[in-house]
Amino acid sequence: MSGDRRRRRWLASVVIAVLGSAILSAHTGPPFPIVSNKTEGAYEISVWTDPDSTDDGTAAGRFWVTVRPAAGTSPLPQATRVNVSLVSVDRPGETRAGAAPPIADDPVHRYVALVMDHEGRFRVRVAVDGPLGTATTEADVDATYDLRPAPYLIAVYMLPFLLIGFLWIKLMVRRRRAAKS
């Protein structure tokens, strides 16, 4: 194999690694439950979260709320409202709140994103109000920063290993040629 062809393959491998790392950064991790099928009043409530904190004011604390009638057979009325609020437990801070609108016009499944401005413990409160009555539930969650490096940094971190591998292969090829001659 010629040196030019080898360089093109090496360059293609690096490009694929960089593009692949950019694709992988699209997901920051799976949400997890903090309340599971808890019956409060006339409702059964579940809350899943992906509690990422940010310094730039981005609403990265995401909450998925599922609200079903506790009876189980009747559909959830469209007029049901769900509000999610959170307050820091480990330091003084303001309460942040937001309405959780239905996802795809399905009144059972709701979503809201709120600002979590620091790492630490937050108390999450879900309030449901509708024709079936009112209900609230609370849970605590630990917010953390998304600790993954930026995609371009993955390529930078890989570079020394690729260079060492390239030099090692080059040395092995030289030794093989020297042994044959």
N, C-alpha and C. Protein backbone atom coordinates (compact mmCIF):
# COMPACT_ATOMS: atom_id res chain seq x y z
N MET A 1 0.84 -1.17 0.00
CA MET A 1 0.00 0.00 0.00
C MET A 1 0.89 1.24 0.00
N SER A 2 0.59 2.18 -0.85
CA SER A 2 1.44 3.37 -0.98
C SER A 2 1.23 4.29 0.21
N GLY A 3 2.21 5.15 0.45
CA GLY A 3 2.15 6.10 1.56
C GLY A 3 1.02 7.10 1.41
N ASP A 4 0.75 7.51 0.16
CA ASP A 4 -0.33 8.47 -0.08
C ASP A 4 -1.69 7.86 0.27
N ARG A 5 -1.87 6.62 -0.10
CA ARG A 5 -3.13 5.94 0.19
C ARG A 5 -3.31 5.74 1.70
N ARG A 6 -2.20 5.42 2.36
CA ARG A 6 -2.25 5.25 3.81
C ARG A 6 -2.62 6.55 4.52
N ARG A 7 -2.05 7.66 4.06
CA ARG A 7 -2.37 8.96 4.65
C ARG A 7 -3.84 9.31 4.46
N ARG A 8 -4.38 8.99 3.29
CA ARG A 8 -5.81 9.26 3.06
C ARG A 8 -6.68 8.43 3.98
N ARG A 9 -6.32 7.17 4.20
CA ARG A 9 -7.09 6.32 5.12
C ARG A 9 -7.00 6.84 6.55
N TRP A 10 -5.81 7.26 6.94
CA TRP A 10 -5.62 7.80 8.29
C TRP A 10 -6.45 9.06 8.47
N LEU A 11 -6.43 9.96 7.48
CA LEU A 11 -7.21 11.19 7.54
C LEU A 11 -8.72 10.88 7.58
N ALA A 12 -9.16 9.91 6.80
CA ALA A 12 -10.57 9.52 6.81
C ALA A 12 -10.96 8.97 8.18
N SER A 13 -10.07 8.21 8.82
CA SER A 13 -10.35 7.67 10.15
C SER A 13 -10.50 8.79 11.17
N VAL A 14 -9.65 9.78 11.09
CA VAL A 14 -9.73 10.91 12.02
C VAL A 14 -11.03 11.69 11.81
N VAL A 15 -11.39 11.93 10.55
CA VAL A 15 -12.63 12.65 10.24
C VAL A 15 -13.83 11.88 10.77
N ILE A 16 -13.86 10.57 10.58
CA ILE A 16 -14.97 9.75 11.07
C ILE A 16 -15.03 9.80 12.60
N ALA A 17 -13.88 9.77 13.27
CA ALA A 17 -13.86 9.83 14.73
C ALA A 17 -14.41 11.17 15.23
N VAL A 18 -14.03 12.25 14.59
CA VAL A 18 -14.51 13.57 15.01
C VAL A 18 -16.01 13.70 14.76
N LEU A 19 -16.47 13.29 13.59
CA LEU A 19 -17.90 13.38 13.29
C LEU A 19 -18.70 12.45 14.19
N GLY A 20 -18.18 11.28 14.47
CA GLY A 20 -18.86 10.35 15.36
C GLY A 20 -18.99 10.90 16.76
N SER A 21 -17.98 11.60 17.25
CA SER A 21 -18.06 12.18 18.59
C SER A 21 -19.09 13.30 18.63
N ALA A 22 -19.26 14.03 17.54
CA ALA A 22 -20.28 15.09 17.50
C ALA A 22 -21.67 14.48 17.55
N ILE A 23 -21.88 13.37 16.90
CA ILE A 23 -23.18 12.70 16.91
C ILE A 23 -23.48 12.17 18.31
N LEU A 24 -22.48 11.62 18.99
CA LEU A 24 -22.69 11.06 20.31
C LEU A 24 -23.03 12.12 21.34
N SER A 25 -22.61 13.36 21.13
CA SER A 25 -22.88 14.39 22.12
C SER A 25 -24.32 14.87 22.10
N ALA A 26 -25.14 14.37 21.18
CA ALA A 26 -26.53 14.82 21.07
C ALA A 26 -27.38 14.35 22.24
N HIS A 27 -26.93 13.38 23.00
CA HIS A 27 -27.71 12.87 24.11
C HIS A 27 -26.89 12.97 25.38
N THR A 28 -27.46 13.56 26.45
CA THR A 28 -26.72 13.78 27.67
C THR A 28 -26.99 12.75 28.75
N GLY A 29 -27.70 11.73 28.43
CA GLY A 29 -27.96 10.69 29.41
C GLY A 29 -29.44 10.47 29.60
N PRO A 30 -29.77 9.31 30.09
CA PRO A 30 -31.20 8.98 30.22
C PRO A 30 -31.82 9.65 31.44
N PRO A 31 -33.09 10.04 31.33
CA PRO A 31 -33.80 10.52 32.51
C PRO A 31 -34.05 9.36 33.47
N PHE A 32 -34.33 9.68 34.72
CA PHE A 32 -34.60 8.64 35.71
C PHE A 32 -35.79 9.06 36.57
N PRO A 33 -36.48 8.10 37.17
CA PRO A 33 -37.67 8.43 37.95
C PRO A 33 -37.32 8.97 39.33
N ILE A 34 -38.09 9.98 39.77
CA ILE A 34 -37.98 10.44 41.16
C ILE A 34 -39.29 10.21 41.91
N VAL A 35 -40.37 10.04 41.17
CA VAL A 35 -41.67 9.65 41.74
C VAL A 35 -42.25 8.61 40.80
N SER A 36 -42.65 7.46 41.33
CA SER A 36 -43.19 6.40 40.50
C SER A 36 -44.59 6.00 40.95
N ASN A 37 -45.56 6.28 40.09
CA ASN A 37 -46.96 5.84 40.30
C ASN A 37 -47.47 6.13 41.71
N LYS A 38 -47.25 7.34 42.18
CA LYS A 38 -47.70 7.74 43.51
C LYS A 38 -49.13 8.26 43.42
N THR A 39 -50.03 7.72 44.23
CA THR A 39 -51.42 8.17 44.24
C THR A 39 -51.56 9.33 45.21
N GLU A 40 -51.99 10.46 44.67
CA GLU A 40 -52.25 11.67 45.46
C GLU A 40 -53.62 12.18 45.05
N GLY A 41 -54.56 12.23 45.97
CA GLY A 41 -55.91 12.67 45.65
C GLY A 41 -56.53 11.75 44.61
N ALA A 42 -57.03 12.34 43.55
CA ALA A 42 -57.69 11.56 42.49
C ALA A 42 -56.74 11.21 41.35
N TYR A 43 -55.43 11.41 41.57
CA TYR A 43 -54.45 11.24 40.49
C TYR A 43 -53.37 10.24 40.86
N GLU A 44 -52.82 9.61 39.85
CA GLU A 44 -51.62 8.79 39.98
C GLU A 44 -50.52 9.54 39.23
N ILE A 45 -49.45 9.89 39.93
CA ILE A 45 -48.43 10.78 39.39
C ILE A 45 -47.09 10.06 39.32
N SER A 46 -46.40 10.24 38.18
CA SER A 46 -45.01 9.78 38.01
C SER A 46 -44.20 10.94 37.49
N VAL A 47 -42.97 11.07 37.98
CA VAL A 47 -42.09 12.15 37.54
C VAL A 47 -40.73 11.56 37.19
N TRP A 48 -40.26 11.86 35.99
CA TRP A 48 -38.91 11.50 35.54
C TRP A 48 -38.14 12.78 35.32
N THR A 49 -36.84 12.74 35.54
CA THR A 49 -36.04 13.95 35.40
C THR A 49 -34.68 13.68 34.80
N ASP A 50 -34.14 14.71 34.19
CA ASP A 50 -32.74 14.77 33.76
C ASP A 50 -32.22 16.10 34.31
N PRO A 51 -31.72 16.09 35.57
CA PRO A 51 -31.43 17.34 36.28
C PRO A 51 -30.05 17.92 36.00
N ASP A 52 -29.87 18.51 34.83
CA ASP A 52 -28.59 19.15 34.50
C ASP A 52 -28.62 20.60 34.96
N SER A 53 -27.54 21.02 35.62
CA SER A 53 -27.43 22.42 36.03
C SER A 53 -26.56 23.16 35.03
N THR A 54 -26.78 24.48 34.93
CA THR A 54 -26.02 25.31 34.01
C THR A 54 -25.64 26.63 34.68
N ASP A 55 -24.61 27.26 34.17
CA ASP A 55 -24.19 28.58 34.67
C ASP A 55 -24.71 29.70 33.79
N ASP A 56 -25.18 29.38 32.59
CA ASP A 56 -25.56 30.43 31.64
C ASP A 56 -27.05 30.73 31.61
N GLY A 57 -27.82 30.19 32.55
CA GLY A 57 -29.25 30.48 32.61
C GLY A 57 -30.10 29.64 31.68
N THR A 58 -29.50 28.62 31.04
CA THR A 58 -30.25 27.73 30.17
C THR A 58 -31.12 26.80 31.02
N ALA A 59 -32.35 26.59 30.59
CA ALA A 59 -33.26 25.69 31.31
C ALA A 59 -32.91 24.25 30.95
N ALA A 60 -31.97 23.66 31.68
CA ALA A 60 -31.50 22.31 31.38
C ALA A 60 -32.03 21.27 32.35
N GLY A 61 -32.73 21.69 33.40
CA GLY A 61 -33.35 20.75 34.33
C GLY A 61 -34.69 20.32 33.74
N ARG A 62 -34.72 19.11 33.19
CA ARG A 62 -35.91 18.66 32.45
C ARG A 62 -36.74 17.70 33.28
N PHE A 63 -38.09 17.86 33.16
CA PHE A 63 -39.01 17.05 33.94
C PHE A 63 -40.13 16.55 33.05
N TRP A 64 -40.36 15.24 33.09
CA TRP A 64 -41.46 14.59 32.39
C TRP A 64 -42.44 14.11 33.45
N VAL A 65 -43.68 14.53 33.36
CA VAL A 65 -44.69 14.19 34.35
C VAL A 65 -45.79 13.39 33.66
N THR A 66 -46.17 12.29 34.28
CA THR A 66 -47.30 11.49 33.81
C THR A 66 -48.38 11.57 34.88
N VAL A 67 -49.58 12.00 34.47
CA VAL A 67 -50.71 12.14 35.39
C VAL A 67 -51.88 11.33 34.84
N ARG A 68 -52.35 10.38 35.65
CA ARG A 68 -53.51 9.56 35.27
C ARG A 68 -54.54 9.64 36.38
N PRO A 69 -55.80 9.46 36.05
CA PRO A 69 -56.80 9.37 37.13
C PRO A 69 -56.52 8.13 37.98
N ALA A 70 -56.65 8.26 39.28
CA ALA A 70 -56.37 7.14 40.19
C ALA A 70 -57.34 5.99 39.96
N ALA A 71 -58.56 6.30 39.53
CA ALA A 71 -59.53 5.24 39.26
C ALA A 71 -59.05 4.37 38.11
N GLY A 72 -58.30 4.94 37.17
CA GLY A 72 -57.68 4.17 36.10
C GLY A 72 -58.52 4.00 34.85
N THR A 73 -59.82 4.10 34.93
CA THR A 73 -60.64 3.83 33.75
C THR A 73 -61.04 5.09 33.00
N SER A 74 -61.30 6.17 33.71
CA SER A 74 -61.74 7.39 33.02
C SER A 74 -60.54 8.11 32.42
N PRO A 75 -60.73 8.78 31.28
CA PRO A 75 -59.62 9.55 30.71
C PRO A 75 -59.35 10.80 31.54
N LEU A 76 -58.15 11.30 31.47
CA LEU A 76 -57.79 12.52 32.18
C LEU A 76 -58.43 13.71 31.47
N PRO A 77 -59.16 14.55 32.18
CA PRO A 77 -59.79 15.70 31.53
C PRO A 77 -58.76 16.65 30.91
N GLN A 78 -59.08 17.21 29.75
CA GLN A 78 -58.19 18.13 29.04
C GLN A 78 -57.89 19.38 29.88
N ALA A 79 -58.80 19.77 30.76
CA ALA A 79 -58.63 20.99 31.55
C ALA A 79 -57.64 20.83 32.71
N THR A 80 -57.08 19.66 32.88
CA THR A 80 -56.13 19.42 33.98
C THR A 80 -54.85 20.20 33.73
N ARG A 81 -54.41 20.92 34.77
CA ARG A 81 -53.17 21.72 34.70
C ARG A 81 -52.12 21.11 35.62
N VAL A 82 -50.86 21.10 35.15
CA VAL A 82 -49.75 20.58 35.94
C VAL A 82 -48.68 21.66 36.01
N ASN A 83 -48.23 21.96 37.22
CA ASN A 83 -47.14 22.92 37.44
C ASN A 83 -46.02 22.22 38.18
N VAL A 84 -44.79 22.49 37.76
CA VAL A 84 -43.61 21.94 38.41
C VAL A 84 -42.81 23.11 38.97
N SER A 85 -42.41 22.99 40.22
CA SER A 85 -41.57 24.03 40.82
C SER A 85 -40.39 23.36 41.51
N LEU A 86 -39.32 24.11 41.66
CA LEU A 86 -38.16 23.58 42.38
C LEU A 86 -37.50 24.69 43.16
N VAL A 87 -36.92 24.31 44.27
CA VAL A 87 -36.21 25.24 45.12
C VAL A 87 -34.97 24.52 45.65
N SER A 88 -33.89 25.27 45.81
CA SER A 88 -32.65 24.69 46.32
C SER A 88 -32.81 24.31 47.78
N VAL A 89 -32.32 23.12 48.13
CA VAL A 89 -32.39 22.64 49.50
C VAL A 89 -31.11 22.99 50.25
N ASP A 90 -29.98 23.03 49.54
CA ASP A 90 -28.69 23.19 50.20
C ASP A 90 -28.21 24.64 50.32
N ARG A 91 -28.93 25.59 49.76
CA ARG A 91 -28.57 27.01 49.89
C ARG A 91 -29.80 27.86 49.60
N PRO A 92 -29.79 29.09 50.08
CA PRO A 92 -30.95 29.95 49.81
C PRO A 92 -31.06 30.26 48.32
N GLY A 93 -32.27 30.35 47.85
CA GLY A 93 -32.49 30.66 46.45
C GLY A 93 -33.96 30.81 46.16
N GLU A 94 -34.24 31.38 45.02
CA GLU A 94 -35.63 31.60 44.64
C GLU A 94 -36.26 30.31 44.12
N THR A 95 -37.57 30.25 44.23
CA THR A 95 -38.31 29.13 43.69
C THR A 95 -38.51 29.35 42.20
N ARG A 96 -38.21 28.34 41.42
CA ARG A 96 -38.43 28.41 39.97
C ARG A 96 -39.60 27.49 39.64
N ALA A 97 -40.49 27.97 38.80
CA ALA A 97 -41.68 27.18 38.48
C ALA A 97 -42.04 27.34 37.02
N GLY A 98 -42.77 26.36 36.52
CA GLY A 98 -43.25 26.43 35.16
C GLY A 98 -44.42 25.48 34.95
N ALA A 99 -45.29 25.87 34.04
CA ALA A 99 -46.40 24.99 33.68
C ALA A 99 -45.88 23.89 32.77
N ALA A 100 -46.37 22.68 32.98
CA ALA A 100 -45.98 21.53 32.16
C ALA A 100 -47.11 21.25 31.17
N PRO A 101 -46.98 21.75 29.94
CA PRO A 101 -48.04 21.53 28.96
C PRO A 101 -48.03 20.08 28.45
N PRO A 102 -49.14 19.64 27.89
CA PRO A 102 -49.21 18.28 27.35
C PRO A 102 -48.22 18.09 26.19
N ILE A 103 -47.70 16.89 26.09
CA ILE A 103 -46.82 16.54 24.97
C ILE A 103 -47.71 15.98 23.86
N ALA A 104 -47.65 16.57 22.70
CA ALA A 104 -48.41 16.12 21.52
C ALA A 104 -49.91 16.00 21.82
N ASP A 105 -50.44 16.99 22.50
CA ASP A 105 -51.88 17.04 22.82
C ASP A 105 -52.37 15.83 23.62
N ASP A 106 -51.48 15.18 24.34
CA ASP A 106 -51.85 14.06 25.21
C ASP A 106 -51.86 14.59 26.64
N PRO A 107 -53.03 14.77 27.28
CA PRO A 107 -53.07 15.38 28.61
C PRO A 107 -52.39 14.54 29.69
N VAL A 108 -52.14 13.29 29.45
CA VAL A 108 -51.51 12.41 30.45
C VAL A 108 -50.01 12.69 30.57
N HIS A 109 -49.34 12.96 29.46
CA HIS A 109 -47.88 13.14 29.45
C HIS A 109 -47.53 14.62 29.33
N ARG A 110 -46.71 15.11 30.25
CA ARG A 110 -46.35 16.53 30.32
C ARG A 110 -44.84 16.69 30.35
N TYR A 111 -44.37 17.92 29.98
CA TYR A 111 -42.94 18.21 29.97
C TYR A 111 -42.71 19.67 30.32
N VAL A 112 -41.67 19.93 31.10
CA VAL A 112 -41.22 21.29 31.38
C VAL A 112 -39.72 21.27 31.65
N ALA A 113 -39.04 22.35 31.26
CA ALA A 113 -37.61 22.52 31.55
C ALA A 113 -37.45 23.76 32.43
N LEU A 114 -36.67 23.62 33.49
CA LEU A 114 -36.44 24.72 34.43
C LEU A 114 -34.95 24.94 34.63
N VAL A 115 -34.60 26.15 35.04
CA VAL A 115 -33.20 26.49 35.29
C VAL A 115 -32.77 25.94 36.64
N MET A 116 -31.69 25.18 36.62
CA MET A 116 -31.05 24.71 37.85
C MET A 116 -29.66 25.36 37.82
N ASP A 117 -29.47 26.42 38.61
CA ASP A 117 -28.31 27.29 38.46
C ASP A 117 -27.05 26.84 39.20
N HIS A 118 -27.08 25.73 39.88
CA HIS A 118 -25.89 25.23 40.56
C HIS A 118 -26.02 23.73 40.79
N GLU A 119 -24.88 23.11 41.06
CA GLU A 119 -24.90 21.70 41.46
C GLU A 119 -25.42 21.63 42.89
N GLY A 120 -26.19 20.62 43.17
CA GLY A 120 -26.67 20.44 44.54
C GLY A 120 -28.07 19.87 44.57
N ARG A 121 -28.62 19.85 45.77
CA ARG A 121 -29.92 19.24 45.99
C ARG A 121 -31.03 20.26 45.78
N PHE A 122 -32.08 19.81 45.06
CA PHE A 122 -33.27 20.62 44.81
C PHE A 122 -34.50 19.82 45.23
N ARG A 123 -35.49 20.53 45.78
CA ARG A 123 -36.78 19.90 46.07
C ARG A 123 -37.71 20.23 44.91
N VAL A 124 -38.27 19.19 44.31
CA VAL A 124 -39.17 19.31 43.17
C VAL A 124 -40.59 19.09 43.67
N ARG A 125 -41.48 20.00 43.29
CA ARG A 125 -42.88 19.91 43.70
C ARG A 125 -43.74 19.91 42.44
N VAL A 126 -44.62 18.92 42.33
CA VAL A 126 -45.55 18.83 41.20
C VAL A 126 -46.94 19.06 41.75
N ALA A 127 -47.63 20.06 41.19
CA ALA A 127 -48.99 20.39 41.61
C ALA A 127 -49.94 20.14 40.44
N VAL A 128 -50.98 19.37 40.69
CA VAL A 128 -51.97 19.04 39.67
C VAL A 128 -53.29 19.68 40.10
N ASP A 129 -53.96 20.35 39.15
CA ASP A 129 -55.24 20.99 39.43
C ASP A 129 -56.15 20.75 38.23
N GLY A 130 -57.33 20.24 38.49
CA GLY A 130 -58.25 19.97 37.40
C GLY A 130 -59.63 19.59 37.90
N PRO A 131 -60.50 19.17 37.00
CA PRO A 131 -61.87 18.80 37.36
C PRO A 131 -61.94 17.67 38.39
N LEU A 132 -60.92 16.84 38.48
CA LEU A 132 -60.93 15.74 39.45
C LEU A 132 -60.43 16.18 40.82
N GLY A 133 -59.98 17.44 40.95
CA GLY A 133 -59.48 17.95 42.23
C GLY A 133 -58.03 18.40 42.12
N THR A 134 -57.42 18.60 43.28
CA THR A 134 -56.02 19.03 43.32
C THR A 134 -55.17 17.96 44.01
N ALA A 135 -53.89 17.97 43.67
CA ALA A 135 -52.95 17.04 44.29
C ALA A 135 -51.55 17.61 44.16
N THR A 136 -50.69 17.27 45.11
CA THR A 136 -49.29 17.67 45.04
C THR A 136 -48.42 16.49 45.48
N THR A 137 -47.23 16.48 44.95
CA THR A 137 -46.24 15.51 45.38
C THR A 137 -44.88 16.17 45.32
N GLU A 138 -43.96 15.72 46.17
CA GLU A 138 -42.62 16.30 46.23
C GLU A 138 -41.57 15.20 46.21
N ALA A 139 -40.40 15.58 45.73
CA ALA A 139 -39.24 14.67 45.74
C ALA A 139 -37.99 15.53 45.67
N ASP A 140 -36.88 14.97 46.12
CA ASP A 140 -35.59 15.66 46.04
C ASP A 140 -34.76 15.05 44.92
N VAL A 141 -33.94 15.90 44.31
CA VAL A 141 -33.08 15.44 43.24
C VAL A 141 -31.75 16.20 43.31
N ASP A 142 -30.67 15.56 42.92
CA ASP A 142 -29.36 16.19 42.88
C ASP A 142 -29.05 16.64 41.46
N ALA A 143 -28.83 17.93 41.29
CA ALA A 143 -28.47 18.47 39.98
C ALA A 143 -26.96 18.44 39.81
N THR A 144 -26.52 18.07 38.62
CA THR A 144 -25.09 18.05 38.30
C THR A 144 -24.86 18.68 36.94
N TYR A 145 -23.65 19.14 36.71
CA TYR A 145 -23.29 19.65 35.40
C TYR A 145 -23.09 18.48 34.46
N ASP A 146 -23.38 18.69 33.19
CA ASP A 146 -23.10 17.67 32.18
C ASP A 146 -21.59 17.65 32.01
N LEU A 147 -20.94 16.60 32.46
CA LEU A 147 -19.48 16.56 32.54
C LEU A 147 -18.78 16.04 31.30
N ARG A 148 -19.50 15.81 30.22
CA ARG A 148 -18.86 15.31 29.01
C ARG A 148 -18.05 16.42 28.35
N PRO A 149 -16.90 16.07 27.81
CA PRO A 149 -16.15 17.09 27.08
C PRO A 149 -16.83 17.42 25.76
N ALA A 150 -16.51 18.59 25.24
CA ALA A 150 -17.04 18.99 23.93
C ALA A 150 -16.53 18.00 22.88
N PRO A 151 -17.29 17.80 21.81
CA PRO A 151 -16.90 16.81 20.79
C PRO A 151 -15.51 17.05 20.20
N TYR A 152 -15.15 18.29 19.97
CA TYR A 152 -13.83 18.53 19.39
C TYR A 152 -12.72 18.15 20.36
N LEU A 153 -13.00 18.21 21.67
CA LEU A 153 -11.99 17.83 22.65
C LEU A 153 -11.73 16.33 22.63
N ILE A 154 -12.72 15.54 22.28
CA ILE A 154 -12.51 14.10 22.17
C ILE A 154 -11.46 13.82 21.10
N ALA A 155 -11.55 14.54 19.98
CA ALA A 155 -10.55 14.38 18.92
C ALA A 155 -9.18 14.83 19.41
N VAL A 156 -9.14 15.93 20.15
CA VAL A 156 -7.86 16.42 20.68
C VAL A 156 -7.27 15.41 21.65
N TYR A 157 -8.10 14.82 22.51
CA TYR A 157 -7.61 13.82 23.47
C TYR A 157 -7.15 12.55 22.77
N MET A 158 -7.77 12.21 21.64
CA MET A 158 -7.38 11.00 20.91
C MET A 158 -6.07 11.20 20.14
N LEU A 159 -5.74 12.43 19.79
CA LEU A 159 -4.60 12.71 18.93
C LEU A 159 -3.28 12.10 19.45
N PRO A 160 -2.91 12.25 20.72
CA PRO A 160 -1.64 11.64 21.17
C PRO A 160 -1.63 10.12 21.00
N PHE A 161 -2.75 9.47 21.26
CA PHE A 161 -2.81 8.02 21.12
C PHE A 161 -2.69 7.60 19.65
N LEU A 162 -3.32 8.37 18.78
CA LEU A 162 -3.20 8.08 17.35
C LEU A 162 -1.76 8.29 16.87
N LEU A 163 -1.12 9.35 17.34
CA LEU A 163 0.27 9.61 16.94
C LEU A 163 1.20 8.51 17.45
N ILE A 164 1.02 8.09 18.70
CA ILE A 164 1.85 7.02 19.25
C ILE A 164 1.63 5.73 18.46
N GLY A 165 0.36 5.42 18.14
CA GLY A 165 0.07 4.23 17.34
C GLY A 165 0.70 4.32 15.96
N PHE A 166 0.63 5.50 15.34
CA PHE A 166 1.24 5.69 14.03
C PHE A 166 2.75 5.47 14.09
N LEU A 167 3.41 6.05 15.10
CA LEU A 167 4.86 5.88 15.25
C LEU A 167 5.22 4.42 15.54
N TRP A 168 4.44 3.74 16.34
CA TRP A 168 4.71 2.35 16.67
C TRP A 168 4.59 1.48 15.42
N ILE A 169 3.54 1.70 14.63
CA ILE A 169 3.37 0.92 13.39
C ILE A 169 4.52 1.21 12.43
N LYS A 170 4.92 2.47 12.33
CA LYS A 170 6.04 2.84 11.45
C LYS A 170 7.32 2.13 11.89
N LEU A 171 7.56 2.07 13.20
CA LEU A 171 8.74 1.38 13.73
C LEU A 171 8.68 -0.11 13.42
N MET A 172 7.51 -0.73 13.57
CA MET A 172 7.37 -2.16 13.29
C MET A 172 7.63 -2.45 11.81
N VAL A 173 7.13 -1.58 10.93
CA VAL A 173 7.35 -1.77 9.50
C VAL A 173 8.84 -1.66 9.18
N ARG A 174 9.54 -0.70 9.77
CA ARG A 174 10.98 -0.55 9.55
C ARG A 174 11.75 -1.79 10.03
N ARG A 175 11.37 -2.29 11.20
CA ARG A 175 12.05 -3.48 11.73
C ARG A 175 11.81 -4.68 10.82
N ARG A 176 10.59 -4.81 10.31
CA ARG A 176 10.30 -5.95 9.42
C ARG A 176 11.13 -5.84 8.14
N ARG A 177 11.20 -4.62 7.59
CA ARG A 177 12.00 -4.43 6.37
C ARG A 177 13.49 -4.70 6.63
N ALA A 178 13.97 -4.27 7.78
CA ALA A 178 15.38 -4.48 8.13
C ALA A 178 15.66 -5.97 8.32
N ALA A 179 14.71 -6.71 8.85
CA ALA A 179 14.91 -8.15 9.09
C ALA A 179 14.92 -8.91 7.77
N LYS A 180 14.13 -8.45 6.78
CA LYS A 180 14.08 -9.12 5.49
C LYS A 180 15.33 -8.87 4.67
N SER A 181 15.98 -7.72 4.87
CA SER A 181 17.17 -7.42 4.04
C SER A 181 18.46 -7.85 4.65
